[in-house]
C-alpha atoms as a PDB file:
ATOM      1  CA  MET A   1     -24.249 -52.564  34.790  1.00  0.00           C
ATOM      2  CA  SER A   2     -26.492 -55.617  34.318  1.00  0.00           C
ATOM      3  CA  ASP A   3     -28.313 -56.263  31.048  1.00  0.00           C
ATOM      4  CA  VAL A   4     -31.689 -55.404  32.653  1.00  0.00           C
ATOM      5  CA  ALA A   5     -30.288 -52.205  34.168  1.00  0.00           C
ATOM      6  CA  SER A   6     -28.807 -51.102  30.843  1.00  0.00           C
ATOM      7  CA  ARG A   7     -32.079 -51.838  28.992  1.00  0.00           C
ATOM      8  CA  LYS A   8     -33.992 -49.854  31.611  1.00  0.00           C
ATOM      9  CA  ALA A   9     -31.508 -46.978  31.326  1.00  0.00           C
ATOM     10  CA  ALA A  10     -31.953 -46.849  27.536  1.00  0.00           C
ATOM     11  CA  LEU A  11     -35.766 -46.922  27.799  1.00  0.00           C
ATOM     12  CA  ARG A  12     -35.655 -44.235  30.518  1.00  0.00           C
ATOM     13  CA  THR A  13     -33.503 -41.982  28.321  1.00  0.00           C
ATOM     14  CA  GLU A  14     -35.826 -42.400  25.314  1.00  0.00           C
ATOM     15  CA  ALA A  15     -39.036 -41.797  27.300  1.00  0.00           C
ATOM     16  CA  LEU A  16     -37.595 -38.774  29.111  1.00  0.00           C
ATOM     17  CA  ALA A  17     -36.508 -37.268  25.777  1.00  0.00           C
ATOM     18  CA  ARG A  18     -40.090 -37.554  24.487  1.00  0.00           C
ATOM     19  CA  ARG A  19     -41.360 -36.008  27.717  1.00  0.00           C
ATOM     20  CA  ALA A  20     -38.853 -33.136  27.486  1.00  0.00           C
ATOM     21  CA  ALA A  21     -40.000 -32.344  23.944  1.00  0.00           C
ATOM     22  CA  LEU A  22     -43.532 -31.454  25.096  1.00  0.00           C
ATOM     23  CA  ASP A  23     -44.334 -27.742  24.940  1.00  0.00           C
ATOM     24  CA  ASP A  24     -45.892 -25.661  27.725  1.00  0.00           C
ATOM     25  CA  PRO A  25     -49.457 -25.645  26.300  1.00  0.00           C
ATOM     26  CA  ALA A  26     -49.394 -29.463  26.067  1.00  0.00           C
ATOM     27  CA  ARG A  27     -48.179 -29.662  29.677  1.00  0.00           C
ATOM     28  CA  THR A  28     -50.924 -27.333  30.927  1.00  0.00           C
ATOM     29  CA  GLN A  29     -53.613 -29.270  29.055  1.00  0.00           C
ATOM     30  CA  ALA A  30     -52.259 -32.548  30.420  1.00  0.00           C
ATOM     31  CA  ALA A  31     -52.530 -31.303  34.017  1.00  0.00           C
ATOM     32  CA  GLU A  32     -56.130 -30.246  33.357  1.00  0.00           C
ATOM     33  CA  ARG A  33     -56.933 -33.660  31.862  1.00  0.00           C
ATOM     34  CA  LEU A  34     -55.570 -35.380  34.971  1.00  0.00           C
ATOM     35  CA  ALA A  35     -57.851 -33.281  37.183  1.00  0.00           C
ATOM     36  CA  ASN A  36     -60.804 -34.080  34.913  1.00  0.00           C
ATOM     37  CA  SER A  37     -60.112 -37.803  35.415  1.00  0.00           C
ATOM     38  CA  ILE A  38     -61.032 -37.679  39.100  1.00  0.00           C
ATOM     39  CA  ASP A  39     -64.263 -39.657  38.691  1.00  0.00           C
ATOM     40  CA  ALA A  40     -62.567 -42.362  36.606  1.00  0.00           C
ATOM     41  CA  LEU A  41     -60.135 -43.000  39.485  1.00  0.00           C
ATOM     42  CA  ALA A  42     -63.039 -44.243  41.652  1.00  0.00           C
ATOM     43  CA  ILE A  43     -61.172 -43.595  44.898  1.00  0.00           C
ATOM     44  CA  ALA A  44     -63.147 -44.636  47.973  1.00  0.00           C
ATOM     45  CA  PRO A  45     -64.473 -41.756  50.102  1.00  0.00           C
ATOM     46  CA  GLY A  46     -61.982 -40.703  52.764  1.00  0.00           C
ATOM     47  CA  ALA A  47     -59.078 -42.681  51.289  1.00  0.00           C
ATOM     48  CA  VAL A  48     -55.683 -41.074  51.881  1.00  0.00           C
ATOM     49  CA  VAL A  49     -54.040 -40.221  48.548  1.00  0.00           C
ATOM     50  CA  SER A  50     -50.364 -39.469  48.047  1.00  0.00           C
ATOM     51  CA  GLY A  51     -49.234 -37.371  45.128  1.00  0.00           C
ATOM     52  CA  PHE A  52     -45.971 -35.701  44.224  1.00  0.00           C
ATOM     53  CA  VAL A  53     -44.554 -32.292  43.413  1.00  0.00           C
ATOM     54  CA  PRO A  54     -43.483 -32.454  39.763  1.00  0.00           C
ATOM     55  CA  VAL A  55     -39.784 -32.070  38.988  1.00  0.00           C
ATOM     56  CA  ARG A  56     -37.674 -32.299  35.837  1.00  0.00           C
ATOM     57  CA  GLY A  57     -40.605 -32.023  33.433  1.00  0.00           C
ATOM     58  CA  GLU A  58     -42.942 -34.525  35.125  1.00  0.00           C
ATOM     59  CA  ILE A  59     -46.652 -34.227  34.479  1.00  0.00           C
ATOM     60  CA  ASP A  60     -48.258 -31.886  37.040  1.00  0.00           C
ATOM     61  CA  PRO A  61     -50.660 -33.700  39.385  1.00  0.00           C
ATOM     62  CA  MET A  62     -51.318 -30.609  41.532  1.00  0.00           C
ATOM     63  CA  PRO A  63     -54.713 -29.718  39.960  1.00  0.00           C
ATOM     64  CA  LEU A  64     -55.819 -33.331  40.516  1.00  0.00           C
ATOM     65  CA  LEU A  65     -54.602 -33.224  44.129  1.00  0.00           C
ATOM     66  CA  ALA A  66     -56.554 -29.991  44.686  1.00  0.00           C
ATOM     67  CA  ALA A  67     -59.697 -31.656  43.292  1.00  0.00           C
ATOM     68  CA  LEU A  68     -59.180 -34.693  45.545  1.00  0.00           C
ATOM     69  CA  SER A  69     -58.708 -32.445  48.571  1.00  0.00           C
ATOM     70  CA  ALA A  70     -61.892 -30.551  47.691  1.00  0.00           C
ATOM     71  CA  ARG A  71     -63.722 -33.909  47.782  1.00  0.00           C
ATOM     72  CA  GLY A  72     -62.444 -34.566  51.305  1.00  0.00           C
ATOM     73  CA  HIS A  73     -59.507 -36.866  50.631  1.00  0.00           C
ATOM     74  CA  PRO A  74     -56.606 -36.441  53.050  1.00  0.00           C
ATOM     75  CA  LEU A  75     -53.431 -35.931  51.016  1.00  0.00           C
ATOM     76  CA  ALA A  76     -49.798 -36.865  51.476  1.00  0.00           C
ATOM     77  CA  LEU A  77     -46.541 -36.083  49.712  1.00  0.00           C
ATOM     78  CA  PRO A  78     -43.400 -38.225  49.708  1.00  0.00           C
ATOM     79  CA  VAL A  79     -40.286 -37.431  51.701  1.00  0.00           C
ATOM     80  CA  VAL A  80     -36.940 -39.076  50.965  1.00  0.00           C
ATOM     81  CA  MET A  81     -35.357 -40.178  54.238  1.00  0.00           C
ATOM     82  CA  GLY A  82     -31.728 -41.121  53.797  1.00  0.00           C
ATOM     83  CA  PRO A  83     -30.433 -43.167  50.900  1.00  0.00           C
ATOM     84  CA  THR A  84     -33.190 -45.809  50.788  1.00  0.00           C
ATOM     85  CA  GLU A  85     -36.427 -44.831  52.532  1.00  0.00           C
ATOM     86  CA  LEU A  86     -39.485 -42.985  51.285  1.00  0.00           C
ATOM     87  CA  VAL A  87     -42.112 -41.912  53.825  1.00  0.00           C
ATOM     88  CA  PHE A  88     -45.231 -39.777  53.462  1.00  0.00           C
ATOM     89  CA  ARG A  89     -46.341 -36.655  55.304  1.00  0.00           C
ATOM     90  CA  ARG A  90     -49.715 -34.948  55.466  1.00  0.00           C
ATOM     91  CA  TRP A  91     -50.233 -32.024  53.115  1.00  0.00           C
ATOM     92  CA  ARG A  92     -53.029 -29.750  51.893  1.00  0.00           C
ATOM     93  CA  PRO A  93     -52.960 -27.582  48.781  1.00  0.00           C
ATOM     94  CA  GLY A  94     -51.583 -24.167  49.674  1.00  0.00           C
ATOM     95  CA  GLU A  95     -49.483 -25.390  52.600  1.00  0.00           C
ATOM     96  CA  ALA A  96     -45.809 -24.485  52.506  1.00  0.00           C
ATOM     97  CA  LEU A  97     -43.260 -27.025  51.355  1.00  0.00           C
ATOM     98  CA  GLN A  98     -39.585 -27.289  52.236  1.00  0.00           C
ATOM     99  CA  ALA A  99     -36.868 -27.489  49.618  1.00  0.00           C
ATOM    100  CA  ALA A 100     -34.905 -30.730  49.600  1.00  0.00           C
ATOM    101  CA  GLY A 101     -32.016 -31.913  47.463  1.00  0.00           C
ATOM    102  CA  PHE A 102     -32.254 -32.538  43.721  1.00  0.00           C
ATOM    103  CA  GLY A 103     -34.994 -29.905  43.248  1.00  0.00           C
ATOM    104  CA  LEU A 104     -37.479 -31.821  45.417  1.00  0.00           C
ATOM    105  CA  PHE A 105     -39.984 -30.257  47.810  1.00  0.00           C
ATOM    106  CA  HIS A 106     -41.769 -31.920  50.717  1.00  0.00           C
ATOM    107  CA  PRO A 107     -43.928 -31.080  53.751  1.00  0.00           C
ATOM    108  CA  PRO A 108     -42.057 -30.136  56.935  1.00  0.00           C
ATOM    109  CA  ALA A 109     -41.650 -32.713  59.721  1.00  0.00           C
ATOM    110  CA  GLU A 110     -44.376 -31.070  61.819  1.00  0.00           C
ATOM    111  CA  ALA A 111     -46.911 -31.979  59.084  1.00  0.00           C
ATOM    112  CA  GLY A 112     -46.833 -35.488  60.530  1.00  0.00           C
ATOM    113  CA  PRO A 113     -46.549 -38.928  58.928  1.00  0.00           C
ATOM    114  CA  ILE A 114     -49.430 -40.678  57.209  1.00  0.00           C
ATOM    115  CA  ASP A 115     -49.616 -43.876  55.179  1.00  0.00           C
ATOM    116  CA  PRO A 116     -51.542 -43.491  51.926  1.00  0.00           C
ATOM    117  CA  ASP A 117     -54.208 -45.903  50.702  1.00  0.00           C
ATOM    118  CA  VAL A 118     -53.765 -44.779  47.091  1.00  0.00           C
ATOM    119  CA  LEU A 119     -50.422 -43.676  45.676  1.00  0.00           C
ATOM    120  CA  LEU A 120     -50.085 -41.518  42.577  1.00  0.00           C
ATOM    121  CA  VAL A 121     -46.641 -42.644  41.480  1.00  0.00           C
ATOM    122  CA  PRO A 122     -44.285 -40.602  39.291  1.00  0.00           C
ATOM    123  CA  LEU A 123     -42.265 -42.440  36.689  1.00  0.00           C
ATOM    124  CA  ALA A 124     -39.889 -42.111  33.773  1.00  0.00           C
ATOM    125  CA  ALA A 125     -41.411 -44.822  31.549  1.00  0.00           C
ATOM    126  CA  PHE A 126     -44.192 -47.429  31.692  1.00  0.00           C
ATOM    127  CA  ASP A 127     -45.702 -50.274  29.702  1.00  0.00           C
ATOM    128  CA  ARG A 128     -49.291 -51.493  29.299  1.00  0.00           C
ATOM    129  CA  ARG A 129     -48.711 -54.303  31.794  1.00  0.00           C
ATOM    130  CA  GLY A 130     -48.245 -51.752  34.570  1.00  0.00           C
ATOM    131  CA  HIS A 131     -44.510 -52.021  34.932  1.00  0.00           C
ATOM    132  CA  ARG A 132     -42.660 -48.772  35.444  1.00  0.00           C
ATOM    133  CA  ILE A 133     -39.181 -47.420  35.236  1.00  0.00           C
ATOM    134  CA  GLY A 134     -38.459 -44.865  37.908  1.00  0.00           C
ATOM    135  CA  TYR A 135     -35.310 -42.868  38.315  1.00  0.00           C
ATOM    136  CA  GLY A 136     -33.157 -45.806  39.359  1.00  0.00           C
ATOM    137  CA  ARG A 137     -33.128 -45.641  43.158  1.00  0.00           C
ATOM    138  CA  GLY A 138     -36.058 -47.972  43.992  1.00  0.00           C
ATOM    139  CA  TYR A 139     -37.713 -45.646  46.519  1.00  0.00           C
ATOM    140  CA  TYR A 140     -41.271 -46.406  45.419  1.00  0.00           C
ATOM    141  CA  ASP A 141     -40.654 -50.157  45.101  1.00  0.00           C
ATOM    142  CA  ARG A 142     -39.459 -50.265  48.730  1.00  0.00           C
ATOM    143  CA  ALA A 143     -42.224 -47.928  49.970  1.00  0.00           C
ATOM    144  CA  LEU A 144     -44.926 -49.981  48.251  1.00  0.00           C
ATOM    145  CA  ALA A 145     -43.489 -53.233  49.654  1.00  0.00           C
ATOM    146  CA  ARG A 146     -43.565 -51.722  53.160  1.00  0.00           C
ATOM    147  CA  LEU A 147     -47.099 -50.346  52.774  1.00  0.00           C
ATOM    148  CA  ASP A 148     -48.484 -53.482  51.087  1.00  0.00           C
ATOM    149  CA  ALA A 149     -47.191 -55.547  54.020  1.00  0.00           C
ATOM    150  CA  ALA A 150     -49.686 -53.690  56.241  1.00  0.00           C
ATOM    151  CA  GLY A 151     -52.533 -54.109  53.726  1.00  0.00           C
ATOM    152  CA  PRO A 152     -52.975 -53.746  49.980  1.00  0.00           C
ATOM    153  CA  ARG A 153     -52.485 -50.303  48.487  1.00  0.00           C
ATOM    154  CA  ARG A 154     -53.532 -49.021  45.095  1.00  0.00           C
ATOM    155  CA  ALA A 155     -50.610 -47.718  43.041  1.00  0.00           C
ATOM    156  CA  ILE A 156     -51.477 -45.572  40.022  1.00  0.00           C
ATOM    157  CA  GLY A 157     -48.667 -44.495  37.725  1.00  0.00           C
ATOM    158  CA  VAL A 158     -48.995 -40.881  36.568  1.00  0.00           C
ATOM    159  CA  ALA A 159     -47.253 -39.719  33.414  1.00  0.00           C
ATOM    160  CA  PHE A 160     -47.614 -38.294  29.941  1.00  0.00           C
ATOM    161  CA  ALA A 161     -48.819 -40.823  27.353  1.00  0.00           C
ATOM    162  CA  VAL A 162     -45.582 -40.245  25.375  1.00  0.00           C
ATOM    163  CA  GLN A 163     -43.676 -41.990  28.183  1.00  0.00           C
ATOM    164  CA  GLU A 164     -45.122 -45.391  27.244  1.00  0.00           C
ATOM    165  CA  VAL A 165     -42.633 -47.988  26.019  1.00  0.00           C
ATOM    166  CA  PRO A 166     -43.384 -51.388  24.442  1.00  0.00           C
ATOM    167  CA  ALA A 167     -42.113 -53.435  27.404  1.00  0.00           C
ATOM    168  CA  VAL A 168     -40.315 -52.671  30.647  1.00  0.00           C
ATOM    169  CA  PRO A 169     -37.893 -55.415  31.689  1.00  0.00           C
ATOM    170  CA  ASP A 170     -39.213 -56.270  35.136  1.00  0.00           C
ATOM    171  CA  GLU A 171     -37.436 -57.877  38.051  1.00  0.00           C
ATOM    172  CA  PRO A 172     -38.822 -59.760  41.089  1.00  0.00           C
ATOM    173  CA  HIS A 173     -38.658 -56.665  43.346  1.00  0.00           C
ATOM    174  CA  ASP A 174     -40.587 -54.456  40.879  1.00  0.00           C
ATOM    175  CA  ARG A 175     -44.130 -53.720  42.080  1.00  0.00           C
ATOM    176  CA  ARG A 176     -46.605 -53.652  39.200  1.00  0.00           C
ATOM    177  CA  LEU A 177     -48.913 -50.639  39.070  1.00  0.00           C
ATOM    178  CA  ASP A 178     -52.658 -51.180  39.479  1.00  0.00           C
ATOM    179  CA  ALA A 179     -53.512 -48.572  36.840  1.00  0.00           C
ATOM    180  CA  LEU A 180     -51.958 -45.812  34.758  1.00  0.00           C
ATOM    181  CA  LEU A 181     -53.226 -42.242  34.551  1.00  0.00           C
ATOM    182  CA  THR A 182     -51.985 -40.247  31.588  1.00  0.00           C
ATOM    183  CA  ASP A 183     -53.132 -37.196  29.686  1.00  0.00           C
ATOM    184  CA  ASP A 184     -55.083 -39.722  27.557  1.00  0.00           C
ATOM    185  CA  GLY A 185     -57.065 -40.917  30.594  1.00  0.00           C
ATOM    186  CA  LEU A 186     -57.090 -43.830  33.025  1.00  0.00           C
ATOM    187  CA  ARG A 187     -55.781 -47.151  31.737  1.00  0.00           C
ATOM    188  CA  PRO A 188     -56.158 -50.421  33.582  1.00  0.00           C
ATOM    189  CA  THR A 189     -53.044 -52.581  33.504  1.00  0.00           C
ATOM    190  CA  SER A 190     -53.109 -55.958  31.814  1.00  0.00           C
END
């Protein structure tokens, strides 16, 4: 394992331990705070927004996604396709999801593909500069590179504030986030 990879692994482990220590009331309040941040996001009317179904203790963006849908934003959820590709399918709150491996859920194929304009990105750890540590597979880095090639996208990291680390060791392929949304509110990246 490279030095950067081992530093990222250590930061990931520390941030995920802090996230795991949060109790249920704190998690519920955090989800409500995300939904209450909808105006601060300043998402253009009609912009397609991708979210995610929380797994392994991630912050719950579902109330925020419901609020965005109520405002007329088309929504999408990610789908892992094979070992390297992440695509997005249309989804509306209340629509059925299919179980996938590793505890993931995604819309069925008949939901249809859609490319998001704004991506709410899950993460394991982040820093104030907007660099993130994911779960080590690079799905979002590759998806953002593909989407950005067709036109700039807005990537907003979504996490608990306790997942912040002093500095993420970044590499050339790492796509910096445009903003961070935590239970403490929206933070621009520096």
